[in-house]
Protein backbone atom coordinates (compact mmCIF):
# COMPACT_ATOMS: atom_id res chain seq x y z
CA MET A 1 -26.64 5.76 2.15
CA ALA A 2 -29.77 3.97 3.24
CA LEU A 3 -32.92 6.08 3.06
CA VAL A 4 -35.68 5.33 5.53
CA SER A 5 -39.15 6.48 4.55
CA ARG A 6 -40.91 8.57 7.13
CA ILE A 7 -43.91 6.88 8.72
CA PRO A 8 -47.06 8.71 7.63
CA SER A 9 -49.29 10.00 10.39
CA SER A 10 -52.77 8.55 10.66
CA SER A 11 -54.03 12.03 11.51
CA PRO A 12 -53.49 15.21 9.46
CA THR A 13 -53.12 17.25 12.63
CA PRO A 14 -49.49 18.42 12.97
CA ILE A 15 -47.51 17.75 16.11
CA GLN A 16 -47.66 20.85 18.31
CA SER A 17 -44.81 20.02 20.68
CA ARG A 18 -41.52 18.20 20.36
CA ASN A 19 -41.51 17.21 24.04
CA PRO A 20 -42.36 13.52 24.34
CA LYS A 21 -45.29 12.57 26.53
CA PRO A 22 -45.76 9.27 28.28
CA SER A 23 -48.32 6.89 26.87
CA ASN A 24 -49.99 3.77 28.20
CA LEU A 25 -49.69 2.14 24.79
CA LYS A 26 -46.73 0.03 23.74
CA PRO A 27 -44.88 1.82 20.93
CA PHE A 28 -43.03 -0.91 19.09
CA PHE A 29 -42.20 -1.40 15.47
CA THR A 30 -39.33 -2.38 13.25
CA VAL A 31 -37.79 -0.58 10.32
CA HIS A 32 -35.99 -2.62 7.65
CA CYS A 33 -33.75 -0.99 5.08
CA VAL A 34 -33.79 -3.78 2.53
CA SER A 35 -30.91 -4.59 0.18
CA ASN A 36 -30.75 -7.22 -2.55
CA SER A 37 -29.78 -9.82 0.03
CA GLN A 38 -31.22 -9.75 3.52
CA LYS A 39 -28.44 -12.06 4.71
CA ALA A 40 -25.57 -10.02 3.26
CA SER A 41 -23.47 -8.22 5.85
CA PRO A 42 -22.05 -4.77 5.11
CA PHE A 43 -19.16 -5.59 7.42
CA THR A 44 -16.21 -7.95 7.08
CA GLU A 45 -17.24 -11.27 8.55
CA LYS A 46 -14.37 -13.61 9.45
CA HIS A 47 -15.68 -16.37 7.16
CA SER A 48 -16.64 -14.07 4.26
CA ILE A 49 -15.32 -14.45 0.75
CA GLU A 50 -14.65 -10.69 0.70
CA ARG A 51 -12.11 -11.15 3.47
CA TYR A 52 -10.29 -13.92 1.61
CA ASN A 53 -10.26 -11.97 -1.63
CA ARG A 54 -8.71 -8.93 0.06
CA ASP A 55 -6.11 -10.98 1.90
CA SER A 56 -5.32 -13.33 -1.00
CA TRP A 57 -1.80 -11.89 -1.32
CA LEU A 58 -0.96 -13.63 1.95
CA TYR A 59 -1.55 -17.18 0.81
CA ASN A 60 0.91 -19.34 -1.08
CA LYS A 61 -0.02 -21.54 -4.03
CA GLN A 62 -0.56 -24.58 -1.85
CA GLN A 63 -3.08 -22.73 0.32
CA GLN A 64 -5.57 -20.98 -1.87
CA PRO A 65 -8.58 -19.26 -0.29
CA PRO A 66 -11.92 -20.84 -1.12
CA SER A 67 -13.39 -20.20 -4.54
CA PRO A 68 -16.24 -17.64 -4.70
CA SER A 69 -18.30 -20.28 -6.54
CA CYS A 70 -18.15 -22.66 -3.57
CA PRO A 71 -19.53 -22.12 -0.06
CA LEU A 72 -17.02 -21.85 2.75
CA PRO A 73 -16.54 -25.05 4.77
CA PRO A 74 -18.38 -24.87 8.09
CA ASP A 75 -15.59 -26.29 10.24
CA GLN A 76 -13.54 -23.75 12.14
CA GLU A 77 -10.31 -25.73 11.74
CA PHE A 78 -10.28 -24.84 8.06
CA VAL A 79 -10.74 -21.16 8.84
CA ARG A 80 -7.94 -21.19 11.41
CA ASP A 81 -5.53 -22.32 8.68
CA TYR A 82 -5.76 -18.80 7.33
CA ASP A 83 -5.28 -17.00 10.63
CA ILE A 84 -2.33 -14.82 11.45
CA GLY A 85 -0.15 -17.75 12.47
CA MET A 86 -0.15 -19.04 8.87
CA GLN A 87 0.42 -15.59 7.43
CA ILE A 88 3.72 -14.81 9.13
CA PRO A 89 6.03 -15.96 6.24
CA GLU A 90 4.26 -13.70 3.75
CA LEU A 91 4.28 -10.82 6.23
CA ARG A 92 8.03 -11.20 6.55
CA LYS A 93 8.37 -11.06 2.78
CA LEU A 94 6.38 -7.84 2.74
CA LEU A 95 8.58 -6.43 5.50
CA ASP A 96 11.70 -7.23 3.44
CA VAL A 97 10.25 -5.52 0.39
CA LEU A 98 9.40 -2.42 2.38
CA LYS A 99 12.85 -2.30 3.97
CA GLU A 100 14.55 -2.54 0.57
CA LYS A 101 12.31 0.19 -0.78
CA ARG A 102 13.15 2.52 2.09
CA GLU A 103 16.90 1.82 1.85
CA SER A 104 16.94 2.55 -1.88
CA GLU A 105 15.08 5.80 -1.31
CA ASN A 106 17.39 6.95 1.49
CA GLY A 107 20.75 5.77 0.11
CA ALA A 108 23.47 5.78 2.76
CA ARG A 109 21.24 7.56 5.27
CA LYS A 110 19.60 5.39 7.88
CA PRO A 111 15.87 5.47 7.20
CA GLY A 112 13.66 6.61 10.03
CA PRO A 113 10.55 4.84 11.21
CA GLY A 114 7.38 4.99 9.19
CA ASN A 115 4.08 6.49 10.14
CA VAL A 116 1.26 4.82 12.03
CA PHE A 117 -2.23 6.23 11.70
CA LEU A 118 -5.23 5.18 13.77
CA VAL A 119 -8.12 6.02 11.46
CA GLY A 120 -11.78 6.06 12.38
CA THR A 121 -14.01 4.93 9.53
CA GLY A 122 -17.35 5.89 11.04
CA PRO A 123 -20.38 3.65 11.54
CA GLY A 124 -20.37 2.10 8.06
CA ASP A 125 -21.43 4.60 5.40
CA PRO A 126 -18.29 5.43 3.37
CA GLU A 127 -19.57 8.96 2.72
CA LEU A 128 -19.08 9.69 6.43
CA LEU A 129 -15.29 9.34 6.11
CA THR A 130 -13.28 12.52 6.59
CA ILE A 131 -11.17 13.93 3.76
CA LYS A 132 -8.06 13.42 5.89
CA ALA A 133 -8.92 9.76 6.43
CA MET A 134 -9.35 9.25 2.71
CA ARG A 135 -5.95 10.81 1.97
CA VAL A 136 -4.17 8.62 4.53
CA ILE A 137 -5.91 5.46 3.29
CA GLU A 138 -4.88 6.18 -0.30
CA ASN A 139 -1.19 6.56 0.68
CA ALA A 140 -0.96 3.53 2.97
CA ASP A 141 1.44 0.63 2.42
CA LEU A 142 -0.41 -1.68 4.79
CA LEU A 143 -3.89 -1.42 6.28
CA LEU A 144 -4.97 -3.49 9.27
CA TYR A 145 -8.73 -3.75 9.56
CA ASP A 146 -11.31 -5.59 11.62
CA ARG A 147 -14.92 -6.62 11.41
CA LEU A 148 -16.42 -3.20 12.15
CA VAL A 149 -14.85 -1.62 9.06
CA SER A 150 -17.51 -1.89 6.38
CA ASN A 151 -16.94 -3.47 2.98
CA ASP A 152 -17.90 -0.20 1.28
CA VAL A 153 -15.11 1.61 3.13
CA LEU A 154 -12.56 -1.07 2.21
CA ASP A 155 -13.57 -0.80 -1.45
CA LEU A 156 -12.04 2.70 -1.39
CA VAL A 157 -8.54 1.41 -0.63
CA GLY A 158 -6.03 1.86 -3.45
CA PRO A 159 -4.92 -1.18 -5.51
CA GLY A 160 -1.30 -0.91 -4.37
CA ALA A 161 -2.05 -1.23 -0.66
CA ARG A 162 -1.93 -4.48 1.30
CA LEU A 163 -4.83 -5.33 3.57
CA LEU A 164 -4.63 -7.59 6.60
CA TYR A 165 -7.64 -8.75 8.59
CA VAL A 166 -7.03 -8.68 12.35
CA GLY A 167 -10.60 -9.01 13.53
CA LYS A 168 -11.77 -10.68 16.70
CA THR A 169 -15.23 -12.06 17.35
CA ALA A 170 -16.86 -12.25 20.78
CA GLY A 171 -16.92 -15.82 22.06
CA TYR A 172 -14.43 -17.08 19.45
CA HIS A 173 -10.74 -17.42 20.23
CA SER A 174 -8.54 -15.98 17.51
CA ARG A 175 -4.78 -16.07 17.26
CA THR A 176 -4.96 -12.40 16.35
CA GLN A 177 -4.82 -11.17 19.92
CA GLN A 178 -4.29 -7.52 20.80
CA GLU A 179 -0.59 -8.11 21.57
CA GLU A 180 -0.07 -9.52 18.07
CA ILE A 181 -1.70 -6.45 16.55
CA HIS A 182 0.70 -4.29 18.58
CA GLU A 183 3.69 -6.22 17.24
CA LEU A 184 2.46 -6.02 13.65
CA LEU A 185 2.07 -2.26 13.88
CA LEU A 186 5.52 -1.92 15.42
CA SER A 187 7.30 -4.18 12.92
CA PHE A 188 5.96 -2.43 9.86
CA ALA A 189 6.49 1.03 11.33
CA GLU A 190 10.13 0.16 12.08
CA ALA A 191 10.48 -0.97 8.46
CA GLY A 192 9.47 2.52 7.38
CA ALA A 193 6.00 1.66 6.13
CA ASN A 194 2.97 3.90 6.20
CA VAL A 195 0.72 1.75 8.35
CA VAL A 196 -2.98 2.48 8.79
CA ARG A 197 -5.02 0.83 11.51
CA LEU A 198 -8.65 1.13 10.42
CA LYS A 199 -11.27 1.11 13.14
CA GLY A 200 -15.03 1.35 12.93
CA GLY A 201 -16.50 4.51 14.41
CA ASP A 202 -13.88 6.56 16.27
CA PRO A 203 -10.59 4.84 17.18
CA LEU A 204 -10.59 6.24 20.72
CA VAL A 205 -14.21 5.37 21.62
CA PHE A 206 -14.38 1.70 22.70
CA GLY A 207 -11.90 0.88 19.94
CA ARG A 208 -8.78 0.04 22.00
CA GLY A 209 -6.97 2.70 20.04
CA GLY A 210 -5.53 4.11 23.24
CA GLU A 211 -3.80 0.79 23.99
CA GLU A 212 -2.22 0.62 20.54
CA MET A 213 -1.14 4.26 20.72
CA ASP A 214 0.41 3.82 24.17
CA PHE A 215 2.34 0.70 23.13
CA LEU A 216 3.79 2.29 20.00
CA GLN A 217 4.72 5.54 21.71
CA GLN A 218 6.64 3.58 24.33
CA GLN A 219 8.63 2.05 21.46
CA GLY A 220 9.43 5.50 20.05
CA ILE A 221 6.91 5.34 17.19
CA GLU A 222 4.86 8.43 16.52
CA VAL A 223 1.14 7.74 16.21
CA LYS A 224 -1.34 10.06 14.55
CA VAL A 225 -5.03 9.72 15.25
CA ILE A 226 -7.64 10.65 12.67
CA PRO A 227 -11.02 10.77 14.38
CA GLY A 228 -14.12 9.21 12.92
CA ILE A 229 -17.81 9.72 13.51
CA THR A 230 -18.59 7.47 16.44
CA ALA A 231 -21.59 5.18 16.05
CA ALA A 232 -23.62 7.08 18.63
CA SER A 233 -23.46 10.33 16.65
CA GLY A 234 -23.69 8.87 13.16
CA ILE A 235 -26.54 6.46 13.81
CA ALA A 236 -28.53 8.87 15.97
CA ALA A 237 -28.31 11.46 13.19
CA GLU A 238 -29.50 8.88 10.67
CA LEU A 239 -32.62 8.32 12.77
CA GLY A 240 -33.18 11.98 13.62
CA ILE A 241 -32.52 11.40 17.32
CA PRO A 242 -30.90 14.37 19.08
CA LEU A 243 -28.63 12.91 21.75
CA THR A 244 -29.23 16.04 23.83
CA HIS A 245 -32.28 18.28 23.66
CA ARG A 246 -33.19 21.27 25.81
CA GLY A 247 -35.80 20.30 28.36
CA VAL A 248 -35.52 16.60 27.51
CA ALA A 249 -31.91 15.44 27.94
CA ASN A 250 -29.11 17.63 29.30
CA SER A 251 -26.33 15.04 28.95
CA VAL A 252 -25.35 11.87 27.12
CA LYS A 253 -23.43 8.84 28.40
CA PHE A 254 -21.62 6.21 26.35
CA LEU A 255 -21.50 2.74 27.92
CA THR A 256 -19.85 -0.49 26.83
CA GLY A 257 -22.11 -3.50 27.08
CA HIS A 258 -19.17 -5.90 27.15
CA SER A 259 -19.19 -8.19 30.15
CA ARG A 260 -16.38 -9.60 32.20
CA LYS A 261 -15.21 -12.97 30.85
CA GLY A 262 -18.22 -13.39 28.57
CA GLY A 263 -20.84 -13.24 31.31
CA LYS A 264 -24.32 -11.79 31.03
CA ASP A 265 -23.85 -8.85 33.39
CA PRO A 266 -22.70 -5.51 31.94
CA LEU A 267 -19.17 -4.50 32.77
CA PHE A 268 -20.33 -1.42 34.64
CA VAL A 269 -23.76 -0.13 35.59
CA ALA A 270 -23.81 2.74 38.04
CA GLU A 271 -26.81 4.23 39.74
CA ASN A 272 -26.24 7.54 37.94
CA ALA A 273 -26.54 5.77 34.57
CA ALA A 274 -30.28 5.56 35.23
CA ASP A 275 -30.77 9.32 34.99
CA PRO A 276 -34.10 10.04 33.21
CA ASP A 277 -32.76 13.41 32.06
CA SER A 278 -29.80 11.84 30.28
CA THR A 279 -29.38 9.79 27.10
CA LEU A 280 -27.63 6.44 27.43
CA VAL A 281 -25.94 4.92 24.37
CA VAL A 282 -24.77 1.32 24.70
CA TYR A 283 -22.10 -0.12 22.43
CA MET A 284 -21.69 -3.89 22.03
CA GLY A 285 -24.60 -4.55 24.37
CA LEU A 286 -26.75 -7.22 22.74
CA SER A 287 -25.82 -10.11 25.03
CA THR A 288 -25.94 -8.11 28.25
CA LEU A 289 -29.03 -6.00 27.50
CA PRO A 290 -31.50 -8.03 29.62
CA SER A 291 -29.34 -7.53 32.70
CA LEU A 292 -28.64 -3.90 31.84
CA ALA A 293 -32.31 -3.03 31.35
CA SER A 294 -33.23 -4.72 34.60
CA LYS A 295 -30.60 -2.80 36.55
CA LEU A 296 -31.52 0.51 34.97
CA MET A 297 -35.16 0.04 35.99
CA PHE A 298 -34.06 -1.09 39.45
CA HIS A 299 -32.14 2.17 39.83
CA GLY A 300 -35.20 4.20 38.90
CA LEU A 301 -35.31 4.60 35.13
CA PRO A 302 -38.99 4.41 34.11
CA GLU A 303 -39.92 1.15 32.41
CA ASP A 304 -41.70 3.06 29.61
CA THR A 305 -38.54 4.98 28.67
CA PRO A 306 -38.29 5.13 24.85
CA THR A 307 -35.46 3.04 23.37
CA ALA A 308 -34.06 2.07 19.99
CA ALA A 309 -31.80 -0.75 18.85
CA ILE A 310 -30.09 -0.21 15.50
CA GLU A 311 -28.39 -3.07 13.68
CA ARG A 312 -25.74 -2.19 11.06
CA GLY A 313 -26.55 1.50 11.30
CA THR A 314 -26.08 3.86 8.30
CA THR A 315 -25.66 0.91 5.90
CA PRO A 316 -28.23 -0.38 3.37
CA GLN A 317 -28.81 -3.37 5.68
CA GLN A 318 -29.81 -1.17 8.62
CA ARG A 319 -32.62 -2.52 10.81
CA ILE A 320 -34.23 -0.68 13.70
CA VAL A 321 -36.36 -1.76 16.64
CA PHE A 322 -38.19 0.84 18.71
CA ALA A 323 -39.69 -0.22 22.05
CA GLU A 324 -40.15 0.80 25.65
CA LEU A 325 -37.29 -0.15 27.94
CA LYS A 326 -39.18 -3.01 29.59
CA ASP A 327 -39.87 -4.63 26.20
CA LEU A 328 -36.63 -3.92 24.33
CA ALA A 329 -34.74 -7.13 25.09
CA ASP A 330 -37.69 -9.32 24.08
CA GLU A 331 -38.31 -7.40 20.87
CA ILE A 332 -34.62 -7.56 19.90
CA ALA A 333 -34.71 -11.32 20.41
CA SER A 334 -37.94 -11.58 18.43
CA GLN A 335 -36.48 -9.65 15.50
CA GLU A 336 -33.17 -11.55 15.76
CA LEU A 337 -30.93 -8.50 15.58
CA VAL A 338 -27.23 -9.32 15.31
CA SER A 339 -23.98 -7.51 16.02
CA PRO A 340 -23.08 -4.74 15.48
CA THR A 341 -26.15 -3.25 17.12
CA LEU A 342 -26.21 0.10 18.92
CA ILE A 343 -28.75 0.74 21.69
CA VAL A 344 -30.08 4.20 22.54
CA ILE A 345 -32.07 4.69 25.74
CA GLY A 346 -33.78 7.92 26.73
CA LYS A 347 -36.66 10.30 26.15
CA VAL A 348 -34.93 11.79 23.11
CA VAL A 349 -35.67 8.59 21.17
CA ALA A 350 -39.32 9.66 21.00
CA LEU A 351 -38.22 12.83 19.17
CA SER A 352 -37.22 10.77 16.13
CA PRO A 353 -39.59 11.19 13.18
CA LEU A 354 -39.61 7.40 13.02
CA TRP A 355 -40.94 6.94 16.55
CA PRO A 356 -44.51 5.58 16.18
CA HIS A 357 -47.48 7.70 17.13
CA PRO A 358 -49.41 6.40 20.15
CA ILE A 359 -52.36 5.51 17.92
CA ARG A 360 -50.30 2.81 16.26
CA GLU A 361 -50.66 -0.41 18.22
CA THR A 362 -49.41 -2.87 15.61
CA PRO A 363 -45.90 -3.32 14.29
CA THR A 364 -45.09 -1.19 11.24
CA LEU A 365 -42.58 -2.12 8.58
CA VAL A 366 -40.84 0.50 6.48
CA GLU A 367 -38.64 -0.40 3.53
CA SER A 368 -36.19 1.85 1.72
CA ARG A 369 -36.90 2.46 -1.94
């Protein structure tokens, strides 16, 4: 787990009240939790060597994944050669093996369908997994995972399990569409396999878990959901931000920042989302934040509302930007935060022990030890 050093106060006088007070100064600073490699991602990037190493069982001898000693080719055509369309023959082989295994175990009896588990893996720190999630992962025959499942979590998977990357990246067309994921889950479940669909955070919070569950249940497949710590809860706790606080915020709202057809406007911004007595947590909102911030201020949210943007929260590569609402988009661009980044908007952000004191006018950098 990444440890963030508390920012020392420039004054020995203790804070008398936890209620945030408005200030005319611009509280902005960044926090970097530094690992050995600033560029390393804790998550499974589509082009990463970790992904190819995990999925190497899928490739035949004529199509070997790139060697770890060589950089991956930059052209996307090469990467597409290893997409789901090229993996189908090996997947069929795995299906045959699983069917034979089930038939030998059941003898003359017709084997029933396998189990499908939708498992939330939390925001990235493997120690935030539940005991139940760990048990299911260890007993899985096949695990389908995407980009928001961290490498540290995947390192916990048993050696006998097969992993299959089914990630999608915003703005990049992948053959692994949601319908294909549905069919993969169904095919392996019908073969009697224990199939685990790993999802970052909680599978039923902006994870499309409900769609997968509905599809499989319509096909007569039982689906069990194992909840995970959603990013809003896990990352806010990491920063010491209470999502609700008596006298400061009496409610919390989760909002997707995804836009329709890749545009720059948020999918949904209602007037009641600009409630100053509520906390707003935005998932997947980097590209649409400028429009979102503008609309929130238009609907009455004060421009000096405290905010935080957290990249790769709870991992050793975590980076944090604190700023007032009117400055957040510019500061995120300046610090070049990348996805996944969670955005928290509301007065409770100023209750974090990392929120800068008003006397601090210059950016402050904190590194983990």
